[in-house]
């Protein structure tokens, strides 16, 4: 889905404890508990 979204010009961000297998597809990542990073 990330590559699909990037192909139409979307900014792509991931929120995870650690980098996902496709982390390089994203523009940036926020790592740590999503219950803390996502509300901020």
ModelCIF file with pLDDT and N, C-alpha, C, O atoms, coordinates in Angstrom:
data_MODEL
#
_entry.id   MODEL 
#
_entity.id                         1 
_entity.type                       polymer 
_entity.pdbx_number_of_molecules   1 
#
_entity_poly.entity_id                      1 
_entity_poly.type                           'polypeptide(L)' 
_entity_poly.nstd_linkage                   no 
_entity_poly.nstd_monomer                   no 
_entity_poly.pdbx_seq_one_letter_code       
;(UNK)(UNK)(UNK)(UNK)(UNK)(UNK)(UNK)(UNK)(UNK)(UNK)(UNK)(UNK)(UNK)(UNK)(UNK)(UNK)
(UNK)(UNK)(UNK)(UNK)(UNK)(UNK)(UNK)(UNK)(UNK)(UNK)(UNK)(UNK)(UNK)(UNK)(UNK)(UNK)
(UNK)(UNK)(UNK)(UNK)(UNK)(UNK)(UNK)(UNK)
;
_entity_poly.pdbx_seq_one_letter_code_can   XXXXXXXXXXXXXXXXXXXXXXXXXXXXXXXXXXXXXXXX 
_entity_poly.pdbx_strand_id                 A 
#
loop_
_entity_poly_seq.entity_id 
_entity_poly_seq.num 
_entity_poly_seq.mon_id 
_entity_poly_seq.hetero 
1 1  UNK n 
1 2  UNK n 
1 3  UNK n 
1 4  UNK n 
1 5  UNK n 
1 6  UNK n 
1 7  UNK n 
1 8  UNK n 
1 9  UNK n 
1 10 UNK n 
1 11 UNK n 
1 12 UNK n 
1 13 UNK n 
1 14 UNK n 
1 15 UNK n 
1 16 UNK n 
1 17 UNK n 
1 18 UNK n 
1 19 UNK n 
1 20 UNK n 
1 21 UNK n 
1 22 UNK n 
1 23 UNK n 
1 24 UNK n 
1 25 UNK n 
1 26 UNK n 
1 27 UNK n 
1 28 UNK n 
1 29 UNK n 
1 30 UNK n 
1 31 UNK n 
1 32 UNK n 
1 33 UNK n 
1 34 UNK n 
1 35 UNK n 
1 36 UNK n 
1 37 UNK n 
1 38 UNK n 
1 39 UNK n 
1 40 UNK n 
#
_struct_asym.id          A 
_struct_asym.entity_id   1 
#
loop_
_ma_qa_metric.id 
_ma_qa_metric.mode 
_ma_qa_metric.name 
_ma_qa_metric.software_group_id 
_ma_qa_metric.type 
1 global pLDDT . pLDDT 
2 local  pLDDT . pLDDT 
#
_ma_qa_metric_global.metric_id      1 
_ma_qa_metric_global.metric_value   96.90 
_ma_qa_metric_global.model_id       1 
_ma_qa_metric_global.ordinal_id     1 
#
loop_
_ma_qa_metric_local.label_asym_id 
_ma_qa_metric_local.label_comp_id 
_ma_qa_metric_local.label_seq_id 
_ma_qa_metric_local.metric_id 
_ma_qa_metric_local.metric_value 
_ma_qa_metric_local.model_id 
_ma_qa_metric_local.ordinal_id 
A UNK 1  2 98.00 1 1  
A UNK 2  2 98.00 1 2  
A UNK 3  2 97.00 1 3  
A UNK 4  2 98.00 1 4  
A UNK 5  2 98.00 1 5  
A UNK 6  2 97.00 1 6  
A UNK 7  2 97.00 1 7  
A UNK 8  2 97.00 1 8  
A UNK 9  2 97.00 1 9  
A UNK 10 2 97.00 1 10 
A UNK 11 2 97.00 1 11 
A UNK 12 2 98.00 1 12 
A UNK 13 2 98.00 1 13 
A UNK 14 2 98.00 1 14 
A UNK 15 2 98.00 1 15 
A UNK 16 2 96.00 1 16 
A UNK 17 2 94.00 1 17 
A UNK 18 2 95.00 1 18 
A UNK 19 2 96.00 1 19 
A UNK 20 2 95.00 1 20 
A UNK 21 2 95.00 1 21 
A UNK 22 2 96.00 1 22 
A UNK 23 2 96.00 1 23 
A UNK 24 2 96.00 1 24 
A UNK 25 2 96.00 1 25 
A UNK 26 2 98.00 1 26 
A UNK 27 2 97.00 1 27 
A UNK 28 2 97.00 1 28 
A UNK 29 2 97.00 1 29 
A UNK 30 2 97.00 1 30 
A UNK 31 2 97.00 1 31 
A UNK 32 2 97.00 1 32 
A UNK 33 2 97.00 1 33 
A UNK 34 2 97.00 1 34 
A UNK 35 2 97.00 1 35 
A UNK 36 2 97.00 1 36 
A UNK 37 2 97.00 1 37 
A UNK 38 2 98.00 1 38 
A UNK 39 2 98.00 1 39 
A UNK 40 2 97.00 1 40 
#
loop_
_atom_site.group_PDB 
_atom_site.id 
_atom_site.type_symbol 
_atom_site.label_atom_id 
_atom_site.label_alt_id 
_atom_site.label_comp_id 
_atom_site.label_asym_id 
_atom_site.label_entity_id 
_atom_site.label_seq_id 
_atom_site.pdbx_PDB_ins_code 
_atom_site.Cartn_x 
_atom_site.Cartn_y 
_atom_site.Cartn_z 
_atom_site.occupancy 
_atom_site.B_iso_or_equiv 
_atom_site.pdbx_formal_charge 
_atom_site.auth_seq_id 
_atom_site.auth_comp_id 
_atom_site.auth_asym_id 
_atom_site.auth_atom_id 
_atom_site.pdbx_PDB_model_num 
ATOM 1   N N  . UNK A 1 1  ? 0.816  -1.220 0.000  1.00 98.00 ? 1  UNK A N  1 
ATOM 2   C CA . UNK A 1 1  ? 0.000  0.000  0.000  1.00 98.00 ? 1  UNK A CA 1 
ATOM 3   C C  . UNK A 1 1  ? 0.847  1.266  0.000  1.00 98.00 ? 1  UNK A C  1 
ATOM 4   O O  . UNK A 1 1  ? 0.479  2.266  -0.617 1.00 98.00 ? 1  UNK A O  1 
ATOM 5   N N  . UNK A 1 2  ? 1.983  1.221  0.694  1.00 98.00 ? 2  UNK A N  1 
ATOM 6   C CA . UNK A 1 2  ? 2.837  2.402  0.764  1.00 98.00 ? 2  UNK A CA 1 
ATOM 7   C C  . UNK A 1 2  ? 3.331  2.799  -0.629 1.00 98.00 ? 2  UNK A C  1 
ATOM 8   O O  . UNK A 1 2  ? 3.272  3.972  -0.997 1.00 98.00 ? 2  UNK A O  1 
ATOM 9   N N  . UNK A 1 3  ? 3.810  1.838  -1.391 1.00 97.00 ? 3  UNK A N  1 
ATOM 10  C CA . UNK A 1 3  ? 4.300  2.150  -2.740 1.00 97.00 ? 3  UNK A CA 1 
ATOM 11  C C  . UNK A 1 3  ? 3.178  2.669  -3.631 1.00 97.00 ? 3  UNK A C  1 
ATOM 12  O O  . UNK A 1 3  ? 3.393  3.554  -4.459 1.00 97.00 ? 3  UNK A O  1 
ATOM 13  N N  . UNK A 1 4  ? 1.970  2.109  -3.455 1.00 98.00 ? 4  UNK A N  1 
ATOM 14  C CA . UNK A 1 4  ? 0.810  2.592  -4.214 1.00 98.00 ? 4  UNK A CA 1 
ATOM 15  C C  . UNK A 1 4  ? 0.573  4.055  -3.875 1.00 98.00 ? 4  UNK A C  1 
ATOM 16  O O  . UNK A 1 4  ? 0.419  4.886  -4.770 1.00 98.00 ? 4  UNK A O  1 
ATOM 17  N N  . UNK A 1 5  ? 0.544  4.376  -2.571 1.00 98.00 ? 5  UNK A N  1 
ATOM 18  C CA . UNK A 1 5  ? 0.285  5.748  -2.143 1.00 98.00 ? 5  UNK A CA 1 
ATOM 19  C C  . UNK A 1 5  ? 1.377  6.695  -2.629 1.00 98.00 ? 5  UNK A C  1 
ATOM 20  O O  . UNK A 1 5  ? 1.077  7.808  -3.059 1.00 98.00 ? 5  UNK A O  1 
ATOM 21  N N  . UNK A 1 6  ? 2.635  6.274  -2.569 1.00 97.00 ? 6  UNK A N  1 
ATOM 22  C CA . UNK A 1 6  ? 3.739  7.121  -3.034 1.00 97.00 ? 6  UNK A CA 1 
ATOM 23  C C  . UNK A 1 6  ? 3.647  7.377  -4.530 1.00 97.00 ? 6  UNK A C  1 
ATOM 24  O O  . UNK A 1 6  ? 4.044  8.439  -5.010 1.00 97.00 ? 6  UNK A O  1 
ATOM 25  N N  . UNK A 1 7  ? 3.121  6.402  -5.267 1.00 97.00 ? 7  UNK A N  1 
ATOM 26  C CA . UNK A 1 7  ? 3.029  6.558  -6.722 1.00 97.00 ? 7  UNK A CA 1 
ATOM 27  C C  . UNK A 1 7  ? 2.058  7.670  -7.119 1.00 97.00 ? 7  UNK A C  1 
ATOM 28  O O  . UNK A 1 7  ? 2.133  8.193  -8.231 1.00 97.00 ? 7  UNK A O  1 
ATOM 29  N N  . UNK A 1 8  ? 1.139  8.034  -6.204 1.00 97.00 ? 8  UNK A N  1 
ATOM 30  C CA . UNK A 1 8  ? 0.206  9.123  -6.494 1.00 97.00 ? 8  UNK A CA 1 
ATOM 31  C C  . UNK A 1 8  ? 0.600  10.401 -5.751 1.00 97.00 ? 8  UNK A C  1 
ATOM 32  O O  . UNK A 1 8  ? -0.169 11.361 -5.703 1.00 97.00 ? 8  UNK A O  1 
ATOM 33  N N  . UNK A 1 9  ? 1.810  10.402 -5.169 1.00 97.00 ? 9  UNK A N  1 
ATOM 34  C CA . UNK A 1 9  ? 2.342  11.614 -4.556 1.00 97.00 ? 9  UNK A CA 1 
ATOM 35  C C  . UNK A 1 9  ? 2.085  11.772 -3.073 1.00 97.00 ? 9  UNK A C  1 
ATOM 36  O O  . UNK A 1 9  ? 2.315  12.850 -2.527 1.00 97.00 ? 9  UNK A O  1 
ATOM 37  N N  . UNK A 1 10 ? 1.611  10.727 -2.402 1.00 97.00 ? 10 UNK A N  1 
ATOM 38  C CA . UNK A 1 10 ? 1.317  10.839 -0.971 1.00 97.00 ? 10 UNK A CA 1 
ATOM 39  C C  . UNK A 1 10 ? 2.592  10.813 -0.139 1.00 97.00 ? 10 UNK A C  1 
ATOM 40  O O  . UNK A 1 10 ? 3.581  10.187 -0.518 1.00 97.00 ? 10 UNK A O  1 
ATOM 41  N N  . UNK A 1 11 ? 2.557  11.496 0.992  1.00 97.00 ? 11 UNK A N  1 
ATOM 42  C CA . UNK A 1 11 ? 3.593  11.365 2.006  1.00 97.00 ? 11 UNK A CA 1 
ATOM 43  C C  . UNK A 1 11 ? 3.275  10.125 2.824  1.00 97.00 ? 11 UNK A C  1 
ATOM 44  O O  . UNK A 1 11 ? 2.128  9.919  3.221  1.00 97.00 ? 11 UNK A O  1 
ATOM 45  N N  . UNK A 1 12 ? 4.289  9.292  3.082  1.00 98.00 ? 12 UNK A N  1 
ATOM 46  C CA . UNK A 1 12 ? 4.052  8.016  3.755  1.00 98.00 ? 12 UNK A CA 1 
ATOM 47  C C  . UNK A 1 12 ? 4.889  7.912  5.027  1.00 98.00 ? 12 UNK A C  1 
ATOM 48  O O  . UNK A 1 12 ? 6.107  8.087  4.998  1.00 98.00 ? 12 UNK A O  1 
ATOM 49  N N  . UNK A 1 13 ? 4.222  7.625  6.138  1.00 98.00 ? 13 UNK A N  1 
ATOM 50  C CA . UNK A 1 13 ? 4.879  7.532  7.437  1.00 98.00 ? 13 UNK A CA 1 
ATOM 51  C C  . UNK A 1 13 ? 4.510  6.219  8.109  1.00 98.00 ? 13 UNK A C  1 
ATOM 52  O O  . UNK A 1 13 ? 3.380  5.748  7.983  1.00 98.00 ? 13 UNK A O  1 
ATOM 53  N N  . UNK A 1 14 ? 5.473  5.620  8.831  1.00 98.00 ? 14 UNK A N  1 
ATOM 54  C CA . UNK A 1 14 ? 5.145  4.425  9.597  1.00 98.00 ? 14 UNK A CA 1 
ATOM 55  C C  . UNK A 1 14 ? 5.391  4.646  11.083 1.00 98.00 ? 14 UNK A C  1 
ATOM 56  O O  . UNK A 1 14 ? 6.308  5.363  11.484 1.00 98.00 ? 14 UNK A O  1 
ATOM 57  N N  . UNK A 1 15 ? 4.539  4.004  11.891 1.00 98.00 ? 15 UNK A N  1 
ATOM 58  C CA . UNK A 1 15 ? 4.620  4.049  13.348 1.00 98.00 ? 15 UNK A CA 1 
ATOM 59  C C  . UNK A 1 15 ? 4.756  2.607  13.828 1.00 98.00 ? 15 UNK A C  1 
ATOM 60  O O  . UNK A 1 15 ? 3.836  1.804  13.674 1.00 98.00 ? 15 UNK A O  1 
ATOM 61  N N  . UNK A 1 16 ? 5.902  2.290  14.405 1.00 96.00 ? 16 UNK A N  1 
ATOM 62  C CA . UNK A 1 16 ? 6.185  0.908  14.787 1.00 96.00 ? 16 UNK A CA 1 
ATOM 63  C C  . UNK A 1 16 ? 7.145  0.870  15.962 1.00 96.00 ? 16 UNK A C  1 
ATOM 64  O O  . UNK A 1 16 ? 7.808  1.860  16.270 1.00 96.00 ? 16 UNK A O  1 
ATOM 65  N N  . UNK A 1 17 ? 7.213  -0.290 16.620 1.00 94.00 ? 17 UNK A N  1 
ATOM 66  C CA . UNK A 1 17 ? 8.236  -0.468 17.651 1.00 94.00 ? 17 UNK A CA 1 
ATOM 67  C C  . UNK A 1 17 ? 9.619  -0.429 17.020 1.00 94.00 ? 17 UNK A C  1 
ATOM 68  O O  . UNK A 1 17 ? 10.566 0.111  17.592 1.00 94.00 ? 17 UNK A O  1 
ATOM 69  N N  . UNK A 1 18 ? 9.718  -1.015 15.823 1.00 95.00 ? 18 UNK A N  1 
ATOM 70  C CA . UNK A 1 18 ? 10.977 -1.003 15.081 1.00 95.00 ? 18 UNK A CA 1 
ATOM 71  C C  . UNK A 1 18 ? 10.650 -0.933 13.592 1.00 95.00 ? 18 UNK A C  1 
ATOM 72  O O  . UNK A 1 18 ? 9.486  -1.042 13.207 1.00 95.00 ? 18 UNK A O  1 
ATOM 73  N N  . UNK A 1 19 ? 11.654 -0.755 12.767 1.00 96.00 ? 19 UNK A N  1 
ATOM 74  C CA . UNK A 1 19 ? 11.435 -0.613 11.338 1.00 96.00 ? 19 UNK A CA 1 
ATOM 75  C C  . UNK A 1 19 ? 10.771 -1.863 10.768 1.00 96.00 ? 19 UNK A C  1 
ATOM 76  O O  . UNK A 1 19 ? 11.114 -2.988 11.129 1.00 96.00 ? 19 UNK A O  1 
ATOM 77  N N  . UNK A 1 20 ? 9.820  -1.641 9.876  1.00 95.00 ? 20 UNK A N  1 
ATOM 78  C CA . UNK A 1 20 ? 9.142  -2.756 9.226  1.00 95.00 ? 20 UNK A CA 1 
ATOM 79  C C  . UNK A 1 20 ? 10.006 -3.282 8.085  1.00 95.00 ? 20 UNK A C  1 
ATOM 80  O O  . UNK A 1 20 ? 11.062 -2.728 7.781  1.00 95.00 ? 20 UNK A O  1 
ATOM 81  N N  . UNK A 1 21 ? 9.542  -4.350 7.466  1.00 95.00 ? 21 UNK A N  1 
ATOM 82  C CA . UNK A 1 21 ? 10.279 -4.948 6.347  1.00 95.00 ? 21 UNK A CA 1 
ATOM 83  C C  . UNK A 1 21 ? 10.294 -4.032 5.131  1.00 95.00 ? 21 UNK A C  1 
ATOM 84  O O  . UNK A 1 21 ? 11.132 -4.195 4.244  1.00 95.00 ? 21 UNK A O  1 
ATOM 85  N N  . UNK A 1 22 ? 9.368  -3.063 5.082  1.00 96.00 ? 22 UNK A N  1 
ATOM 86  C CA . UNK A 1 22 ? 9.315  -2.138 3.942  1.00 96.00 ? 22 UNK A CA 1 
ATOM 87  C C  . UNK A 1 22 ? 9.570  -0.704 4.396  1.00 96.00 ? 22 UNK A C  1 
ATOM 88  O O  . UNK A 1 22 ? 9.079  0.242  3.781  1.00 96.00 ? 22 UNK A O  1 
ATOM 89  N N  . UNK A 1 23 ? 10.332 -0.546 5.467  1.00 96.00 ? 23 UNK A N  1 
ATOM 90  C CA . UNK A 1 23 ? 10.595 0.781  6.019  1.00 96.00 ? 23 UNK A CA 1 
ATOM 91  C C  . UNK A 1 23 ? 11.216 1.734  5.002  1.00 96.00 ? 23 UNK A C  1 
ATOM 92  O O  . UNK A 1 23 ? 10.966 2.938  5.045  1.00 96.00 ? 23 UNK A O  1 
ATOM 93  N N  . UNK A 1 24 ? 12.023 1.199  4.087  1.00 96.00 ? 24 UNK A N  1 
ATOM 94  C CA . UNK A 1 24 ? 12.686 2.048  3.095  1.00 96.00 ? 24 UNK A CA 1 
ATOM 95  C C  . UNK A 1 24 ? 11.696 2.673  2.109  1.00 96.00 ? 24 UNK A C  1 
ATOM 96  O O  . UNK A 1 24 ? 12.037 3.636  1.423  1.00 96.00 ? 24 UNK A O  1 
ATOM 97  N N  . UNK A 1 25 ? 10.471 2.135  2.032  1.00 96.00 ? 25 UNK A N  1 
ATOM 98  C CA . UNK A 1 25 ? 9.466  2.704  1.145  1.00 96.00 ? 25 UNK A CA 1 
ATOM 99  C C  . UNK A 1 25 ? 8.850  3.981  1.713  1.00 96.00 ? 25 UNK A C  1 
ATOM 100 O O  . UNK A 1 25 ? 8.266  4.776  0.977  1.00 96.00 ? 25 UNK A O  1 
ATOM 101 N N  . UNK A 1 26 ? 8.985  4.173  3.036  1.00 98.00 ? 26 UNK A N  1 
ATOM 102 C CA . UNK A 1 26 ? 8.345  5.309  3.701  1.00 98.00 ? 26 UNK A CA 1 
ATOM 103 C C  . UNK A 1 26 ? 9.241  6.541  3.700  1.00 98.00 ? 26 UNK A C  1 
ATOM 104 O O  . UNK A 1 26 ? 10.465 6.441  3.609  1.00 98.00 ? 26 UNK A O  1 
ATOM 105 N N  . UNK A 1 27 ? 8.608  7.694  3.802  1.00 97.00 ? 27 UNK A N  1 
ATOM 106 C CA . UNK A 1 27 ? 9.365  8.946  3.879  1.00 97.00 ? 27 UNK A CA 1 
ATOM 107 C C  . UNK A 1 27 ? 10.020 9.116  5.234  1.00 97.00 ? 27 UNK A C  1 
ATOM 108 O O  . UNK A 1 27 ? 11.091 9.713  5.345  1.00 97.00 ? 27 UNK A O  1 
ATOM 109 N N  . UNK A 1 28 ? 9.369  8.584  6.279  1.00 97.00 ? 28 UNK A N  1 
ATOM 110 C CA . UNK A 1 28 ? 9.918  8.683  7.627  1.00 97.00 ? 28 UNK A CA 1 
ATOM 111 C C  . UNK A 1 28 ? 9.197  7.680  8.518  1.00 97.00 ? 28 UNK A C  1 
ATOM 112 O O  . UNK A 1 28 ? 8.126  7.178  8.177  1.00 97.00 ? 28 UNK A O  1 
ATOM 113 N N  . UNK A 1 29 ? 9.809  7.399  9.672  1.00 97.00 ? 29 UNK A N  1 
ATOM 114 C CA . UNK A 1 29 ? 9.191  6.491  10.627 1.00 97.00 ? 29 UNK A CA 1 
ATOM 115 C C  . UNK A 1 29 ? 9.313  7.041  12.033 1.00 97.00 ? 29 UNK A C  1 
ATOM 116 O O  . UNK A 1 29 ? 10.262 7.753  12.360 1.00 97.00 ? 29 UNK A O  1 
ATOM 117 N N  . UNK A 1 30 ? 8.333  6.699  12.862 1.00 97.00 ? 30 UNK A N  1 
ATOM 118 C CA . UNK A 1 30 ? 8.347  7.073  14.272 1.00 97.00 ? 30 UNK A CA 1 
ATOM 119 C C  . UNK A 1 30 ? 8.337  5.770  15.060 1.00 97.00 ? 30 UNK A C  1 
ATOM 120 O O  . UNK A 1 30 ? 7.377  5.002  14.985 1.00 97.00 ? 30 UNK A O  1 
ATOM 121 N N  . UNK A 1 31 ? 9.417  5.518  15.824 1.00 97.00 ? 31 UNK A N  1 
ATOM 122 C CA . UNK A 1 31 ? 9.596  4.212  16.432 1.00 97.00 ? 31 UNK A CA 1 
ATOM 123 C C  . UNK A 1 31 ? 9.492  4.289  17.952 1.00 97.00 ? 31 UNK A C  1 
ATOM 124 O O  . UNK A 1 31 ? 10.063 5.166  18.600 1.00 97.00 ? 31 UNK A O  1 
ATOM 125 N N  . UNK A 1 32 ? 8.740  3.334  18.488 1.00 97.00 ? 32 UNK A N  1 
ATOM 126 C CA . UNK A 1 32 ? 8.393  3.305  19.897 1.00 97.00 ? 32 UNK A CA 1 
ATOM 127 C C  . UNK A 1 32 ? 6.957  2.829  19.997 1.00 97.00 ? 32 UNK A C  1 
ATOM 128 O O  . UNK A 1 32 ? 6.372  2.410  18.998 1.00 97.00 ? 32 UNK A O  1 
ATOM 129 N N  . UNK A 1 33 ? 6.386  2.888  21.177 1.00 97.00 ? 33 UNK A N  1 
ATOM 130 C CA . UNK A 1 33 ? 5.001  2.462  21.347 1.00 97.00 ? 33 UNK A CA 1 
ATOM 131 C C  . UNK A 1 33 ? 4.059  3.395  20.589 1.00 97.00 ? 33 UNK A C  1 
ATOM 132 O O  . UNK A 1 33 ? 4.092  4.611  20.780 1.00 97.00 ? 33 UNK A O  1 
ATOM 133 N N  . UNK A 1 34 ? 3.222  2.820  19.728 1.00 97.00 ? 34 UNK A N  1 
ATOM 134 C CA . UNK A 1 34 ? 2.283  3.637  18.957 1.00 97.00 ? 34 UNK A CA 1 
ATOM 135 C C  . UNK A 1 34 ? 1.288  4.344  19.866 1.00 97.00 ? 34 UNK A C  1 
ATOM 136 O O  . UNK A 1 34 ? 0.763  5.400  19.515 1.00 97.00 ? 34 UNK A O  1 
ATOM 137 N N  . UNK A 1 35 ? 1.028  3.763  21.032 1.00 97.00 ? 35 UNK A N  1 
ATOM 138 C CA . UNK A 1 35 ? 0.115  4.394  21.986 1.00 97.00 ? 35 UNK A CA 1 
ATOM 139 C C  . UNK A 1 35 ? 0.675  5.702  22.527 1.00 97.00 ? 35 UNK A C  1 
ATOM 140 O O  . UNK A 1 35 ? -0.050 6.505  23.115 1.00 97.00 ? 35 UNK A O  1 
ATOM 141 N N  . UNK A 1 36 ? 1.980  5.909  22.320 1.00 97.00 ? 36 UNK A N  1 
ATOM 142 C CA . UNK A 1 36 ? 2.619  7.154  22.757 1.00 97.00 ? 36 UNK A CA 1 
ATOM 143 C C  . UNK A 1 36 ? 2.944  8.065  21.576 1.00 97.00 ? 36 UNK A C  1 
ATOM 144 O O  . UNK A 1 36 ? 2.722  9.274  21.646 1.00 97.00 ? 36 UNK A O  1 
ATOM 145 N N  . UNK A 1 37 ? 3.469  7.491  20.493 1.00 97.00 ? 37 UNK A N  1 
ATOM 146 C CA . UNK A 1 37 ? 3.891  8.326  19.365 1.00 97.00 ? 37 UNK A CA 1 
ATOM 147 C C  . UNK A 1 37 ? 2.713  8.838  18.535 1.00 97.00 ? 37 UNK A C  1 
ATOM 148 O O  . UNK A 1 37 ? 2.716  9.990  18.101 1.00 97.00 ? 37 UNK A O  1 
ATOM 149 N N  . UNK A 1 38 ? 1.709  7.990  18.312 1.00 98.00 ? 38 UNK A N  1 
ATOM 150 C CA . UNK A 1 38 ? 0.607  8.387  17.427 1.00 98.00 ? 38 UNK A CA 1 
ATOM 151 C C  . UNK A 1 38 ? -0.256 9.502  18.021 1.00 98.00 ? 38 UNK A C  1 
ATOM 152 O O  . UNK A 1 38 ? -0.615 10.419 17.282 1.00 98.00 ? 38 UNK A O  1 
ATOM 153 N N  . UNK A 1 39 ? -0.611 9.479  19.314 1.00 98.00 ? 39 UNK A N  1 
ATOM 154 C CA . UNK A 1 39 ? -1.381 10.603 19.862 1.00 98.00 ? 39 UNK A CA 1 
ATOM 155 C C  . UNK A 1 39 ? -0.654 11.940 19.732 1.00 98.00 ? 39 UNK A C  1 
ATOM 156 O O  . UNK A 1 39 ? -1.282 12.961 19.453 1.00 98.00 ? 39 UNK A O  1 
ATOM 157 N N  . UNK A 1 40 ? 0.667  11.942 19.932 1.00 97.00 ? 40 UNK A N  1 
ATOM 158 C CA . UNK A 1 40 ? 1.436  13.178 19.781 1.00 97.00 ? 40 UNK A CA 1 
ATOM 159 C C  . UNK A 1 40 ? 1.389  13.670 18.342 1.00 97.00 ? 40 UNK A C  1 
ATOM 160 O O  . UNK A 1 40 ? 1.981  14.701 18.022 1.00 97.00 ? 40 UNK A O  1 
#
